Amino acid sequence: MSDGVETFVHPTALVEEGAELGAGCHVGPFCHVGPDARLGARVVLKSHVVIAGDTSIGEDSVIFPFACIGEVPQDLKFKGERTRLVIGARNRIREHVTMNTGTAGGGGETRVGDDGLFMAGCHVAHDVQVGNRVIVVNNAALAGHCVLEDDVIIGGLSGVHQWVRIGQGAIIGAVTMVTNDVIPYGLVQAPRGGLDGLNLVGLKRRGVPRADITALRAAFQMLAQGEGAFQDRARRLGDETESDYVRQIVEFVTSASDRSFLTPGEG
């Protein structure tokens, strides 16, 4: 019981001493909630869900059967150090999803934002940083240390290489391997992940003004066909544009990264 709102734990579930359950949580049959887990208000664990490690889950999130959340990293460098998994509010985490805690070498924390949808069988590895409103489709995998900004969509059966950054609003097609950074609002498809345009459908759905979409199209053409190195083209864009969306791409390309970039025409 908490704040006068009933919290339900099925008789077959195991909630270890030390775990914290918020008001109105529902822990279904055969779930296991570890001693360092913290569930926010109205979190629902359907059945056969494992919550392990130092893991916090935000309010109104729903986790479906056989998901394993907060287990130790799949990283041979991990030596049992104390690390965390922090999941935001209103996430939907479907069947057989796995999300791991961080590693000392990666900052010690895996973080997932709010309002995400993680479809059946997908994987979020150690030290990954996921923004808000992200969708990861069935059986896609995010390797260690990846960064996904807000509104990213990862297609089914796709893989994102460790340390890759994917900018806001980008979309990755199904059965795609992404090995380099993806600019905001980019469209990536093909087996080895070529930057094939912009996520125009996503931009229109978000209500981005026509003038900004036109500016983004022109910017993409300059990145594809302009003179000089990719980052030099991006810097010139920053000097010429008045669109905040284009400036976002410029800032993404010119910021520090451990990977190179997918550029137009690759793949």
Protein backbone atom coordinates (compact mmCIF):
# COMPACT_ATOMS: atom_id res chain seq x y z
CA MET A 1 0.00 0.00 0.00
CA SER A 2 1.22 3.54 -0.78
CA ASP A 3 -0.56 6.93 -0.69
CA GLY A 4 -3.84 5.13 -0.13
CA VAL A 5 -3.76 3.48 -3.58
CA GLU A 6 -3.70 -0.29 -3.64
CA THR A 7 -0.63 -2.05 -5.00
CA PHE A 8 -1.23 -5.63 -6.16
CA VAL A 9 1.36 -8.43 -6.01
CA HIS A 10 0.27 -11.83 -7.28
CA PRO A 11 0.82 -14.66 -4.77
CA THR A 12 3.22 -16.41 -7.17
CA ALA A 13 5.40 -13.31 -7.68
CA LEU A 14 8.60 -12.76 -5.70
CA VAL A 15 9.27 -9.19 -4.61
CA GLU A 16 12.49 -9.18 -2.60
CA GLU A 17 12.98 -7.17 0.56
CA GLY A 18 14.27 -3.70 -0.28
CA ALA A 19 12.36 -3.32 -3.54
CA GLU A 20 10.20 -0.20 -3.78
CA LEU A 21 6.75 -0.35 -5.39
CA GLY A 22 4.92 2.89 -6.10
CA ALA A 23 1.23 3.52 -5.58
CA GLY A 24 -1.02 1.39 -7.73
CA CYS A 25 1.68 -0.96 -9.09
CA HIS A 26 0.54 -4.32 -10.42
CA VAL A 27 2.99 -7.23 -10.24
CA GLY A 28 1.57 -10.21 -12.13
CA PRO A 29 2.12 -13.94 -11.72
CA PHE A 30 5.62 -15.41 -11.58
CA CYS A 31 7.41 -12.06 -11.73
CA HIS A 32 10.69 -11.51 -9.87
CA VAL A 33 11.52 -8.03 -8.59
CA GLY A 34 15.00 -7.71 -7.12
CA PRO A 35 15.98 -5.91 -3.89
CA ASP A 36 17.37 -2.80 -5.62
CA ALA A 37 14.45 -2.25 -8.00
CA ARG A 38 12.24 0.84 -7.80
CA LEU A 39 8.91 0.88 -9.63
CA GLY A 40 7.09 4.18 -10.04
CA ALA A 41 3.38 4.68 -9.58
CA ARG A 42 1.07 2.44 -11.59
CA VAL A 43 3.83 0.39 -13.20
CA VAL A 44 2.43 -2.90 -14.53
CA LEU A 45 4.44 -6.11 -14.80
CA LYS A 46 2.19 -8.47 -16.77
CA SER A 47 3.67 -11.87 -15.84
CA HIS A 48 7.03 -13.71 -15.82
CA VAL A 49 8.91 -10.38 -15.83
CA VAL A 50 12.36 -10.13 -14.22
CA ILE A 51 13.49 -6.78 -12.80
CA ALA A 52 17.08 -7.14 -11.61
CA GLY A 53 19.93 -4.90 -10.50
CA ASP A 54 19.83 -1.23 -9.55
CA THR A 55 16.88 -0.44 -11.81
CA SER A 56 14.27 2.29 -11.66
CA ILE A 57 11.15 2.35 -13.86
CA GLY A 58 9.03 5.45 -14.32
CA GLU A 59 5.32 5.76 -13.65
CA ASP A 60 2.67 4.23 -15.91
CA SER A 61 5.13 1.98 -17.71
CA VAL A 62 3.93 -1.49 -18.77
CA ILE A 63 6.26 -4.48 -19.14
CA PHE A 64 5.04 -7.59 -20.91
CA PRO A 65 5.79 -11.29 -20.24
CA PHE A 66 9.32 -12.68 -20.24
CA ALA A 67 11.08 -9.32 -20.45
CA CYS A 68 14.36 -9.22 -18.49
CA ILE A 69 15.17 -5.71 -17.30
CA GLY A 70 18.30 -4.62 -15.41
CA GLU A 71 20.48 -7.71 -15.67
CA VAL A 72 24.27 -7.33 -15.87
CA PRO A 73 25.90 -6.25 -19.17
CA GLN A 74 26.91 -8.68 -21.89
CA ASP A 75 30.43 -7.26 -21.71
CA LEU A 76 33.46 -9.29 -20.66
CA LYS A 77 35.02 -6.14 -19.18
CA PHE A 78 32.23 -5.98 -16.61
CA LYS A 79 33.55 -7.13 -13.24
CA GLY A 80 30.47 -6.82 -11.08
CA GLU A 81 30.73 -3.10 -10.33
CA ARG A 82 27.62 -1.28 -9.11
CA THR A 83 25.87 0.27 -12.12
CA ARG A 84 22.32 1.36 -12.97
CA LEU A 85 19.45 1.22 -15.43
CA VAL A 86 17.07 4.20 -15.40
CA ILE A 87 13.83 3.94 -17.41
CA GLY A 88 11.47 6.89 -17.75
CA ALA A 89 7.70 7.16 -17.63
CA ARG A 90 4.97 5.66 -19.82
CA ASN A 91 7.17 3.19 -21.67
CA ARG A 92 5.76 0.05 -23.29
CA ILE A 93 8.27 -2.80 -23.10
CA ARG A 94 7.03 -5.86 -24.94
CA GLU A 95 7.71 -9.60 -24.68
CA HIS A 96 11.30 -10.88 -24.36
CA VAL A 97 12.90 -7.43 -24.36
CA THR A 98 16.27 -7.21 -22.59
CA MET A 99 17.77 -4.03 -21.12
CA ASN A 100 21.10 -4.11 -19.27
CA THR A 101 22.68 -1.89 -16.65
CA GLY A 102 25.76 0.20 -17.45
CA THR A 103 29.47 -0.38 -16.97
CA ALA A 104 32.04 1.61 -15.02
CA GLY A 105 33.89 2.35 -18.26
CA GLY A 106 30.75 3.72 -19.90
CA GLY A 107 29.59 6.06 -17.17
CA GLY A 108 27.79 3.46 -15.06
CA GLU A 109 24.28 4.11 -16.33
CA THR A 110 21.99 2.91 -19.11
CA ARG A 111 19.15 5.41 -19.57
CA VAL A 112 15.83 5.24 -21.40
CA GLY A 113 13.60 8.32 -21.73
CA ASP A 114 9.82 8.68 -21.63
CA ASP A 115 7.02 7.40 -23.88
CA GLY A 116 9.06 4.76 -25.71
CA LEU A 117 7.86 1.60 -27.41
CA PHE A 118 10.24 -1.36 -27.32
CA MET A 119 8.71 -4.17 -29.35
CA ALA A 120 9.15 -7.90 -28.80
CA GLY A 121 12.65 -9.29 -28.62
CA CYS A 122 14.62 -6.06 -28.92
CA HIS A 123 17.80 -5.41 -26.90
CA VAL A 124 19.18 -2.30 -25.20
CA ALA A 125 22.79 -2.90 -24.18
CA HIS A 126 25.00 -1.38 -21.49
CA ASP A 127 25.50 2.39 -21.31
CA VAL A 128 23.02 3.12 -24.10
CA GLN A 129 21.29 6.51 -23.87
CA VAL A 130 17.79 6.57 -25.38
CA GLY A 131 15.71 9.74 -25.70
CA ASN A 132 11.96 10.31 -25.56
CA ARG A 133 9.32 8.85 -27.89
CA VAL A 134 11.74 6.33 -29.38
CA ILE A 135 10.43 3.21 -31.12
CA VAL A 136 12.58 0.08 -31.40
CA VAL A 137 10.84 -2.52 -33.54
CA ASN A 138 10.86 -6.31 -33.10
CA ASN A 139 14.24 -8.01 -32.66
CA ALA A 140 16.32 -4.88 -33.24
CA ALA A 141 19.46 -4.48 -31.13
CA LEU A 142 21.29 -1.44 -29.76
CA ALA A 143 24.93 -2.22 -28.91
CA GLY A 144 26.81 -0.69 -26.01
CA HIS A 145 27.26 3.07 -25.65
CA CYS A 146 24.83 4.01 -28.45
CA VAL A 147 22.97 7.32 -28.25
CA LEU A 148 19.46 7.63 -29.71
CA GLU A 149 18.03 11.13 -29.58
CA ASP A 150 14.30 11.91 -29.34
CA ASP A 151 11.77 10.56 -31.87
CA VAL A 152 14.10 7.97 -33.45
CA ILE A 153 12.61 4.84 -35.03
CA ILE A 154 14.71 1.66 -35.42
CA GLY A 155 13.22 -0.86 -37.88
CA GLY A 156 12.77 -4.54 -37.17
CA LEU A 157 15.75 -6.92 -37.23
CA SER A 158 18.17 -3.98 -37.43
CA GLY A 159 21.41 -3.60 -35.52
CA VAL A 160 23.13 -0.44 -34.30
CA HIS A 161 26.90 -0.70 -33.78
CA GLN A 162 28.44 0.28 -30.45
CA TRP A 163 29.17 4.00 -29.92
CA VAL A 164 26.92 5.07 -32.82
CA ARG A 165 24.82 8.22 -32.38
CA ILE A 166 21.47 8.57 -34.13
CA GLY A 167 20.15 12.11 -34.34
CA GLN A 168 16.67 13.32 -33.48
CA GLY A 169 13.86 12.23 -35.76
CA ALA A 170 15.96 9.81 -37.82
CA ILE A 171 14.49 6.54 -39.07
CA ILE A 172 16.33 3.26 -39.68
CA GLY A 173 14.72 0.84 -42.11
CA ALA A 174 14.20 -2.84 -41.39
CA VAL A 175 17.06 -5.37 -41.61
CA THR A 176 19.70 -2.63 -41.59
CA MET A 177 23.14 -2.58 -39.97
CA VAL A 178 24.11 0.92 -38.82
CA THR A 179 27.86 1.33 -38.31
CA ASN A 180 28.27 5.13 -38.32
CA ASP A 181 26.49 8.18 -36.92
CA VAL A 182 23.19 9.23 -38.51
CA ILE A 183 22.29 12.90 -38.90
CA PRO A 184 19.04 14.21 -37.37
CA TYR A 185 15.99 13.46 -39.54
CA GLY A 186 18.03 11.11 -41.74
CA LEU A 187 16.59 8.06 -43.50
CA VAL A 188 18.85 5.00 -43.43
CA GLN A 189 18.17 1.75 -45.26
CA ALA A 190 19.88 -1.13 -47.12
CA PRO A 191 21.68 -4.07 -45.50
CA ARG A 192 24.79 -2.05 -44.64
CA GLY A 193 22.94 1.12 -43.80
CA GLY A 194 23.22 3.86 -46.41
CA LEU A 195 21.99 7.40 -45.77
CA ASP A 196 19.28 7.46 -48.41
CA GLY A 197 17.52 10.75 -47.76
CA LEU A 198 15.46 12.41 -45.04
CA ASN A 199 12.68 11.06 -42.84
CA LEU A 200 10.11 13.21 -44.65
CA VAL A 201 7.13 11.19 -43.43
CA GLY A 202 8.20 11.68 -39.83
CA LEU A 203 8.80 15.40 -40.33
CA LYS A 204 5.34 15.88 -41.83
CA ARG A 205 3.69 13.87 -39.05
CA ARG A 206 5.35 16.12 -36.49
CA GLY A 207 3.98 19.20 -38.20
CA VAL A 208 7.35 20.65 -39.20
CA PRO A 209 6.71 23.78 -41.31
CA ARG A 210 7.01 23.45 -45.08
CA ALA A 211 9.78 26.08 -45.15
CA ASP A 212 11.91 24.03 -42.78
CA ILE A 213 11.33 20.84 -44.77
CA THR A 214 12.41 22.69 -47.92
CA ALA A 215 15.52 23.94 -46.10
CA LEU A 216 16.30 20.42 -44.90
CA ARG A 217 16.01 19.07 -48.45
CA ALA A 218 18.38 21.75 -49.73
CA ALA A 219 20.78 21.05 -46.88
CA PHE A 220 20.78 17.34 -47.66
CA GLN A 221 21.63 18.06 -51.30
CA MET A 222 24.51 20.26 -50.22
CA LEU A 223 25.78 17.56 -47.88
CA ALA A 224 25.51 15.05 -50.73
CA GLN A 225 27.00 17.08 -53.57
CA GLY A 226 28.88 20.05 -52.13
CA GLU A 227 32.63 20.53 -52.27
CA GLY A 228 35.02 19.50 -49.53
CA ALA A 229 34.80 16.99 -46.71
CA PHE A 230 31.47 16.10 -45.14
CA GLN A 231 32.09 18.13 -41.98
CA ASP A 232 33.30 21.12 -44.03
CA ARG A 233 30.03 21.08 -45.97
CA ALA A 234 28.13 20.98 -42.71
CA ARG A 235 30.02 23.99 -41.34
CA ARG A 236 29.19 25.98 -44.47
CA LEU A 237 25.54 25.08 -43.98
CA GLY A 238 25.71 26.55 -40.49
CA ASP A 239 26.93 29.85 -41.90
CA GLU A 240 24.19 30.02 -44.53
CA THR A 241 20.99 28.64 -42.98
CA GLU A 242 18.25 30.30 -40.97
CA SER A 243 16.47 27.00 -40.17
CA ASP A 244 16.78 25.66 -36.64
CA TYR A 245 16.33 22.13 -38.02
CA VAL A 246 19.30 22.52 -40.34
CA ARG A 247 21.35 24.02 -37.50
CA GLN A 248 20.54 20.92 -35.47
CA ILE A 249 22.13 18.77 -38.18
CA VAL A 250 25.16 21.08 -38.28
CA GLU A 251 25.63 20.87 -34.51
CA PHE A 252 25.28 17.08 -34.62
CA VAL A 253 27.88 16.67 -37.38
CA THR A 254 30.40 19.09 -35.87
CA SER A 255 30.17 17.77 -32.30
CA ALA A 256 32.55 15.20 -30.84
CA SER A 257 31.95 11.56 -31.81
CA ASP A 258 33.66 8.20 -31.54
CA ARG A 259 32.41 7.20 -35.00
CA SER A 260 32.44 8.63 -38.49
CA PHE A 261 29.18 9.49 -40.30
CA LEU A 262 26.94 7.81 -42.78
CA THR A 263 27.03 10.15 -45.76
CA PRO A 264 24.66 10.40 -48.74
CA GLY A 265 25.22 7.70 -51.33
CA GLU A 266 26.79 5.11 -49.01
CA GLY A 267 25.35 1.61 -48.81
